[in-house]
Amino acid sequence: MRHAMHTTAAALISLGSLGAQAQPSLLASQGRNLYRYHGGIVTSFPLASSENISGMTTVPTGITVGTLNGGAGAGDIIALGSATVFRVDNPLSTPTLIPIGIRGGTNASPVFVAGRLFGIGGELPHGSVLTEWDHSFNQIGHWPTGVFGGPGGLVGKPGTTDEFYYAEFNNDAIYHYRLGDAFSTFVCSTPNNDYVGLEMVGSQIWASYALPTTGQFVLGTQSLSGAFTQVAVLDAYTVGITGLAEIIPSPASLSLLGLGGLLATRRRR
């Protein structure tokens, strides 16, 4: 449920409960900070931006979005600020935000499904609404989901082109929604949270949660049975507004990151 929360920054902790080899590289956001989870290690990056990042996603193959500064293409991460849509450059070194467009309406968690860009948000009087943007970030579709909830995380249902799972914090739940339906279907409960970001990696849902009970901002896997498996504490829960995206590394950037890790290991010996 939604709560007010103010905490100071805490040390970053990585929990190696899942094998690092099998885990994806992910980029999470909380307010004006980014957190990279790579190889079981969390690294934080404060952003030189006046806008909180409310959601992120990775651009799929064959898609180009944005009209400024070269836009964003396959493998790029886009991040939604309060007014601006950014491309996240250098996610495996020092991430930077490059403006690529102006956001056109409600969207707290973007996701590409069958080449279309969707999002979830909260609006009165409807509550949770699903929206669609064109590739210049203008809103072109709007579907109330039948749940009086807030914004949260959104992913596409694998194997479909018009079905989604979304999580929201008023009811601490995940719902299923199909475009055009008047109502959503309850799927499962989630941890008590003040905000959540979701990312589908293969057939596995990853989640970043702002947890008011523990005062932590955490990362883990979320099953549709309701089980959340925490793998890392990213930071203290401060702002709560969060996005989550998979990092698709280029061969060159992956090699550089691996070399950096090898050098660091040698220095510690």
Protein backbone atom coordinates (compact mmCIF):
# COMPACT_ATOMS: atom_id res chain seq x y z
CA MET A 1 0.00 0.00 0.00
CA ARG A 2 1.08 3.61 -0.52
CA HIS A 3 2.95 5.12 2.42
CA ALA A 4 5.10 8.20 2.99
CA MET A 5 8.75 7.22 3.33
CA HIS A 6 11.90 9.22 3.98
CA THR A 7 15.18 7.43 4.64
CA THR A 8 18.86 8.16 4.25
CA ALA A 9 21.07 6.39 1.73
CA ALA A 10 22.33 2.96 2.70
CA ALA A 11 25.24 0.83 1.58
CA LEU A 12 24.61 -1.30 -1.49
CA ILE A 13 24.31 -5.00 -0.77
CA SER A 14 24.30 -7.84 -3.26
CA LEU A 15 22.75 -11.15 -2.30
CA GLY A 16 24.10 -14.06 -4.33
CA SER A 17 21.08 -16.32 -3.87
CA LEU A 18 20.84 -16.93 -7.63
CA GLY A 19 23.82 -18.03 -9.68
CA ALA A 20 25.45 -15.02 -11.30
CA GLN A 21 26.05 -16.92 -14.53
CA ALA A 22 22.32 -17.43 -15.08
CA GLN A 23 21.24 -13.89 -14.23
CA PRO A 24 20.62 -11.10 -16.73
CA SER A 25 22.20 -7.67 -16.53
CA LEU A 26 19.59 -5.15 -15.43
CA LEU A 27 19.32 -1.40 -14.97
CA ALA A 28 16.93 -0.12 -12.29
CA SER A 29 16.00 3.44 -11.41
CA GLN A 30 14.85 5.14 -8.24
CA GLY A 31 14.14 8.83 -8.62
CA ARG A 32 17.34 10.39 -10.02
CA ASN A 33 19.59 7.38 -9.47
CA LEU A 34 20.37 4.37 -11.65
CA TYR A 35 21.48 0.97 -10.34
CA ARG A 36 23.22 -1.61 -12.50
CA TYR A 37 22.91 -5.26 -11.52
CA HIS A 38 25.56 -7.24 -13.40
CA GLY A 39 27.18 -10.52 -12.42
CA GLY A 40 25.60 -10.37 -8.97
CA ILE A 41 27.11 -6.94 -8.24
CA VAL A 42 25.16 -3.68 -7.73
CA THR A 43 26.65 -0.35 -8.81
CA SER A 44 24.83 2.95 -8.30
CA PHE A 45 24.99 6.08 -10.45
CA PRO A 46 23.52 9.48 -9.47
CA LEU A 47 22.05 11.24 -12.50
CA ALA A 48 22.68 14.82 -13.58
CA SER A 49 18.98 15.36 -14.28
CA SER A 50 16.18 17.41 -12.76
CA GLU A 51 13.64 14.71 -13.68
CA ASN A 52 12.83 11.52 -11.79
CA ILE A 53 12.93 8.39 -13.95
CA SER A 54 9.55 6.66 -13.68
CA GLY A 55 10.02 3.77 -16.11
CA MET A 56 12.43 2.12 -18.55
CA THR A 57 12.47 -0.52 -21.26
CA THR A 58 14.77 -1.94 -23.92
CA VAL A 59 14.09 -1.23 -27.61
CA PRO A 60 13.61 -4.47 -29.59
CA THR A 61 15.18 -5.40 -32.92
CA GLY A 62 13.76 -3.58 -35.94
CA ILE A 63 12.35 -0.64 -33.95
CA THR A 64 13.51 2.99 -33.85
CA VAL A 65 11.93 5.59 -31.57
CA GLY A 66 12.48 9.28 -30.81
CA THR A 67 13.25 12.29 -32.99
CA LEU A 68 16.11 14.00 -31.13
CA ASN A 69 19.82 13.20 -30.92
CA GLY A 70 19.58 10.14 -33.15
CA GLY A 71 16.64 8.59 -31.28
CA ALA A 72 16.98 5.04 -29.92
CA GLY A 73 17.26 1.70 -31.73
CA ALA A 74 17.62 -2.00 -31.10
CA GLY A 75 19.23 -2.76 -27.75
CA ASP A 76 19.04 0.81 -26.46
CA ILE A 77 17.33 1.52 -23.15
CA ILE A 78 14.77 4.32 -23.06
CA ALA A 79 13.93 6.04 -19.77
CA LEU A 80 10.89 8.18 -19.01
CA GLY A 81 11.38 11.42 -17.12
CA SER A 82 8.56 13.67 -15.94
CA ALA A 83 8.56 15.52 -19.28
CA THR A 84 11.38 14.02 -21.37
CA VAL A 85 12.10 10.63 -22.89
CA PHE A 86 15.80 9.75 -22.69
CA ARG A 87 18.15 7.20 -24.25
CA VAL A 88 20.47 5.66 -21.68
CA ASP A 89 23.96 5.61 -23.16
CA ASN A 90 26.81 3.47 -21.75
CA PRO A 91 24.71 1.30 -19.38
CA LEU A 92 27.68 -1.04 -18.79
CA SER A 93 30.13 1.74 -17.91
CA THR A 94 28.88 5.13 -16.67
CA PRO A 95 25.26 5.61 -17.79
CA THR A 96 24.21 8.99 -19.16
CA LEU A 97 20.80 10.31 -20.22
CA ILE A 98 20.40 11.69 -23.75
CA PRO A 99 17.06 13.42 -24.58
CA ILE A 100 15.32 11.85 -27.59
CA GLY A 101 11.78 13.23 -27.29
CA ILE A 102 8.97 14.71 -25.21
CA ARG A 103 6.58 12.33 -23.48
CA GLY A 104 3.00 12.55 -24.66
CA GLY A 105 0.89 11.45 -21.72
CA THR A 106 0.34 8.82 -19.04
CA ASN A 107 2.99 6.12 -18.94
CA ALA A 108 4.86 4.92 -15.85
CA SER A 109 6.24 1.68 -17.29
CA PRO A 110 6.86 1.40 -21.06
CA VAL A 111 6.96 -1.94 -22.89
CA PHE A 112 7.18 -2.94 -26.55
CA VAL A 113 4.75 -5.62 -27.75
CA ALA A 114 4.66 -6.64 -31.43
CA GLY A 115 6.41 -3.41 -32.39
CA ARG A 116 3.95 -1.20 -30.49
CA LEU A 117 4.88 0.93 -27.46
CA PHE A 118 2.51 0.59 -24.49
CA GLY A 119 2.52 1.82 -20.91
CA ILE A 120 0.58 1.72 -17.65
CA GLY A 121 -0.36 4.67 -15.50
CA GLY A 122 -2.84 6.02 -12.98
CA GLU A 123 -5.54 8.54 -13.90
CA LEU A 124 -8.71 9.84 -12.27
CA PRO A 125 -11.48 8.80 -12.50
CA HIS A 126 -10.39 5.47 -14.01
CA GLY A 127 -7.50 4.37 -11.81
CA SER A 128 -5.07 2.12 -13.71
CA VAL A 129 -5.07 2.77 -17.47
CA LEU A 130 -3.14 1.15 -20.32
CA THR A 131 -1.89 3.58 -22.97
CA GLU A 132 -0.19 3.36 -26.36
CA TRP A 133 2.34 5.83 -27.78
CA ASP A 134 3.55 6.15 -31.34
CA HIS A 135 7.29 6.03 -31.95
CA SER A 136 7.53 9.79 -31.41
CA PHE A 137 5.93 9.34 -27.96
CA ASN A 138 2.52 10.82 -28.81
CA GLN A 139 -0.38 9.08 -27.09
CA ILE A 140 -2.56 7.24 -29.62
CA GLY A 141 -4.43 4.74 -27.43
CA HIS A 142 -6.09 4.70 -23.98
CA TRP A 143 -7.79 1.76 -22.20
CA PRO A 144 -9.11 1.87 -18.61
CA THR A 145 -8.30 -1.51 -17.05
CA GLY A 146 -11.25 -1.69 -14.65
CA VAL A 147 -8.97 -1.57 -11.58
CA PHE A 148 -8.99 1.49 -9.35
CA GLY A 149 -5.26 1.39 -8.80
CA GLY A 150 -2.18 3.43 -9.46
CA PRO A 151 0.79 3.15 -11.80
CA GLY A 152 3.33 0.38 -11.49
CA GLY A 153 5.14 -2.16 -13.66
CA LEU A 154 3.97 -3.54 -17.01
CA VAL A 155 5.12 -6.48 -19.16
CA GLY A 156 3.66 -8.20 -22.20
CA LYS A 157 2.31 -11.73 -21.83
CA PRO A 158 4.66 -14.03 -23.78
CA GLY A 159 3.19 -15.44 -26.99
CA THR A 160 0.52 -12.73 -27.33
CA THR A 161 0.26 -9.36 -29.08
CA ASP A 162 -2.50 -7.76 -26.99
CA GLU A 163 -2.22 -9.15 -23.45
CA PHE A 164 -0.34 -7.81 -20.46
CA TYR A 165 0.54 -8.34 -16.82
CA TYR A 166 0.74 -5.24 -14.66
CA ALA A 167 1.47 -4.61 -10.98
CA GLU A 168 0.24 -1.65 -8.95
CA PHE A 169 0.76 -0.51 -5.39
CA ASN A 170 -2.73 0.39 -4.12
CA ASN A 171 -3.78 -3.25 -4.03
CA ASP A 172 -0.30 -4.84 -3.97
CA ALA A 173 -1.31 -7.13 -6.81
CA ILE A 174 -0.58 -8.27 -10.36
CA TYR A 175 -3.40 -8.29 -12.89
CA HIS A 176 -3.88 -9.63 -16.42
CA TYR A 177 -5.39 -7.30 -19.03
CA ARG A 178 -6.28 -7.80 -22.70
CA LEU A 179 -6.74 -4.79 -24.97
CA GLY A 180 -10.36 -3.75 -25.23
CA ASP A 181 -11.58 -5.65 -22.16
CA ALA A 182 -13.66 -3.69 -19.65
CA PHE A 183 -12.01 -5.39 -16.67
CA SER A 184 -8.72 -6.93 -15.59
CA THR A 185 -8.28 -10.35 -13.98
CA PHE A 186 -6.53 -10.70 -10.63
CA VAL A 187 -3.44 -12.93 -10.94
CA CYS A 188 -1.61 -12.83 -7.59
CA SER A 189 -0.63 -10.71 -4.63
CA THR A 190 2.80 -9.05 -4.41
CA PRO A 191 4.93 -7.85 -1.51
CA ASN A 192 3.55 -4.76 0.22
CA ASN A 193 5.14 -1.99 -1.85
CA ASP A 194 4.96 1.71 -2.60
CA TYR A 195 6.11 1.30 -6.21
CA VAL A 196 7.24 -1.47 -8.54
CA GLY A 197 9.07 -1.82 -11.85
CA LEU A 198 8.74 -4.99 -13.97
CA GLU A 199 10.83 -6.44 -16.82
CA MET A 200 10.24 -9.69 -18.71
CA VAL A 201 13.50 -11.52 -19.45
CA GLY A 202 12.67 -14.58 -21.53
CA SER A 203 9.72 -16.03 -19.63
CA GLN A 204 10.88 -14.74 -16.22
CA ILE A 205 9.50 -11.55 -14.64
CA TRP A 206 12.05 -9.44 -12.76
CA ALA A 207 10.84 -6.79 -10.33
CA SER A 208 12.22 -3.80 -8.45
CA TYR A 209 10.18 -2.97 -5.34
CA ALA A 210 10.15 0.00 -2.95
CA LEU A 211 9.36 -1.72 0.36
CA PRO A 212 7.97 0.49 3.16
CA THR A 213 8.19 -2.27 5.79
CA THR A 214 11.97 -2.73 5.50
CA GLY A 215 12.81 0.71 4.04
CA GLN A 216 14.66 -0.99 1.19
CA PHE A 217 14.70 -0.75 -2.60
CA VAL A 218 15.14 -4.33 -3.79
CA LEU A 219 15.49 -6.46 -6.93
CA GLY A 220 14.37 -10.02 -7.57
CA THR A 221 12.21 -12.40 -9.57
CA GLN A 222 8.43 -12.34 -9.36
CA SER A 223 6.35 -15.42 -10.16
CA LEU A 224 2.69 -15.28 -11.17
CA SER A 225 1.92 -17.52 -8.20
CA GLY A 226 2.83 -14.59 -5.95
CA ALA A 227 6.31 -15.68 -4.87
CA PHE A 228 8.98 -12.96 -4.90
CA THR A 229 12.61 -14.12 -4.71
CA GLN A 230 14.86 -11.25 -3.65
CA VAL A 231 18.37 -11.30 -5.09
CA ALA A 232 19.72 -7.86 -4.17
CA VAL A 233 19.16 -4.79 -2.05
CA LEU A 234 19.79 -1.91 -4.46
CA ASP A 235 19.59 0.94 -1.93
CA ALA A 236 17.49 2.41 0.83
CA TYR A 237 13.95 3.22 -0.24
CA THR A 238 13.92 7.01 -0.67
CA VAL A 239 11.81 8.19 -3.62
CA GLY A 240 10.31 4.85 -4.59
CA ILE A 241 9.49 5.78 -8.20
CA THR A 242 11.21 3.02 -10.14
CA GLY A 243 11.83 1.59 -13.59
CA LEU A 244 13.59 -1.59 -14.70
CA ALA A 245 15.13 -2.67 -18.02
CA GLU A 246 17.38 -5.44 -19.31
CA ILE A 247 20.81 -4.39 -20.53
CA ILE A 248 21.61 -5.91 -23.94
CA PRO A 249 25.40 -5.61 -24.10
CA SER A 250 27.29 -5.16 -27.33
CA PRO A 251 30.27 -7.54 -27.71
CA ALA A 252 32.69 -4.61 -27.31
CA SER A 253 31.13 -3.28 -24.10
CA LEU A 254 30.89 -6.78 -22.60
CA SER A 255 34.58 -7.37 -23.31
CA LEU A 256 35.57 -4.08 -21.66
CA LEU A 257 33.45 -4.82 -18.59
CA GLY A 258 34.98 -8.29 -18.30
CA LEU A 259 38.49 -6.87 -18.60
CA GLY A 260 37.71 -4.33 -15.89
CA GLY A 261 36.53 -7.08 -13.58
CA LEU A 262 39.66 -9.15 -14.26
CA LEU A 263 41.94 -6.20 -13.48
CA ALA A 264 40.04 -5.49 -10.26
CA THR A 265 40.40 -9.13 -9.23
CA ARG A 266 44.15 -9.04 -9.85
CA ARG A 267 44.50 -5.85 -7.78
CA ARG A 268 42.80 -7.50 -4.82
CA ARG A 269 45.23 -10.43 -4.79
